Every structure is written in C-alpha cells, then in structure tokens.
Amino acid sequence: MVFCFQCNRGQDSLAWGLREKQAILLCLPQVDCSIYKKYPVVAIPCPITYLPVCGSDYITYGNECHLCTESLKSNGKIQFLHEGRC
C-alpha cells in the first residue's frame, strides 16, 4: 500500500513511516535559512538574542540563526522542530 501526504503551506515534512499499520507524517514549520547562505558557515553573524528553538536533533539552539548555522553545516539534516527549549 502506498501513502501520499502533503503538508500545509509553510510546513515541511521531516520524516514519515508506519506504526501499527497507520501512516505517520510529521509536518513541521519551516525556517528560512537561505538568507545565511551568503556567509561562510564559520562566519555567520548571529545575534546574541536568546529566543530558543528546538532542532530535529533535539538540541536547543539560542535562536533561529544558530539553528540555521547547524542546518547549513549538516547540509539540511538538522531542521527546525519547534519554538522553545527541547
């Protein structure tokens, strides 16, 4: 059996799979990290403002910029999971 899913606008799918014969899809809000691509990954100028966000690696980042830095370093493997601490 094949399942097709589509996330809502402004969301991206992180992972999907099957659990107990039910399809699972995790739709997540997207964070636009493209604005940071113009900088070398080691020199992205992130603000010191503390607005914690949780990454898909379950690490709390100080703000979206710090998350985007790690996302770019990991070639997009680390994604935004939710606002606040993990």
Protein backbone atom coordinates (compact mmCIF):
# COMPACT_ATOMS: atom_id res chain seq x y z
CA MET A 1 0.00 0.00 0.00
CA VAL A 2 1.32 3.45 -0.90
CA PHE A 3 0.51 6.54 1.15
CA CYS A 4 0.75 10.05 -0.26
CA PHE A 5 0.89 13.06 2.02
CA GLN A 6 1.13 16.79 1.65
CA CYS A 7 2.00 19.17 4.45
CA ASN A 8 0.27 22.53 4.86
CA ARG A 9 1.76 25.67 3.35
CA GLY A 10 4.72 26.85 5.41
CA GLN A 11 5.46 23.34 6.63
CA ASP A 12 7.91 20.73 5.51
CA SER A 13 7.93 17.00 6.15
CA LEU A 14 10.71 15.82 8.42
CA ALA A 15 10.03 12.12 8.44
CA TRP A 16 7.34 9.60 7.76
CA GLY A 17 6.88 5.94 8.40
CA LEU A 18 4.46 3.29 9.53
CA ARG A 19 3.40 2.50 13.06
CA GLU A 20 0.87 -0.21 13.81
CA LYS A 21 -0.30 -0.22 10.20
CA GLN A 22 -1.03 3.51 10.29
CA ALA A 23 0.87 6.03 8.23
CA ILE A 24 2.77 8.68 10.18
CA LEU A 25 3.87 12.04 8.78
CA LEU A 26 5.50 14.76 10.81
CA CYS A 27 4.86 18.18 9.29
CA LEU A 28 7.00 20.98 10.64
CA PRO A 29 7.02 24.76 10.22
CA GLN A 30 9.87 25.85 8.00
CA VAL A 31 12.62 28.26 8.94
CA ASP A 32 14.18 30.13 6.02
CA CYS A 33 17.93 29.61 6.34
CA SER A 34 18.65 30.77 2.78
CA ILE A 35 19.48 34.30 3.98
CA TYR A 36 22.56 32.90 5.73
CA LYS A 37 23.96 31.13 2.64
CA LYS A 38 25.79 34.28 1.54
CA TYR A 39 28.16 33.92 4.50
CA PRO A 40 30.81 31.26 5.09
CA VAL A 41 29.32 28.79 7.59
CA VAL A 42 32.06 29.58 10.11
CA ALA A 43 31.33 33.33 9.93
CA ILE A 44 27.53 33.66 10.06
CA PRO A 45 26.80 36.78 12.15
CA CYS A 46 24.17 35.53 14.60
CA PRO A 47 22.64 37.92 17.13
CA ILE A 48 23.07 37.19 20.82
CA THR A 49 19.31 37.46 21.40
CA TYR A 50 18.07 34.39 23.29
CA LEU A 51 14.91 33.09 21.60
CA PRO A 52 15.40 29.32 21.97
CA VAL A 53 14.34 26.88 19.27
CA CYS A 54 14.49 23.10 19.20
CA GLY A 55 16.23 21.34 16.33
CA SER A 56 15.37 17.95 14.86
CA ASP A 57 18.50 16.65 16.62
CA TYR A 58 16.74 17.54 19.92
CA ILE A 59 19.32 20.19 20.77
CA THR A 60 18.14 23.61 21.97
CA TYR A 61 19.66 26.44 19.92
CA GLY A 62 19.83 30.02 21.21
CA ASN A 63 17.87 31.38 18.24
CA GLU A 64 16.94 30.57 14.64
CA CYS A 65 20.27 31.87 13.35
CA HIS A 66 22.22 29.36 15.45
CA LEU A 67 19.89 26.59 14.26
CA CYS A 68 20.38 27.69 10.63
CA THR A 69 24.15 27.62 11.11
CA GLU A 70 23.99 23.99 12.22
CA SER A 71 21.48 23.18 9.49
CA LEU A 72 23.83 24.55 6.83
CA LYS A 73 26.80 22.69 8.36
CA SER A 74 24.78 19.45 8.21
CA ASN A 75 23.55 20.07 4.63
CA GLY A 76 19.98 20.43 5.85
CA LYS A 77 19.84 17.33 8.04
CA ILE A 78 19.10 19.44 11.13
CA GLN A 79 15.73 21.16 10.83
CA PHE A 80 13.51 23.37 12.98
CA LEU A 81 11.29 21.28 15.26
CA HIS A 82 9.54 23.88 17.42
CA GLU A 83 9.98 27.16 19.26
CA GLY A 84 11.25 26.96 22.83
CA ARG A 85 13.59 24.53 24.55
CA CYS A 86 13.66 20.88 23.54
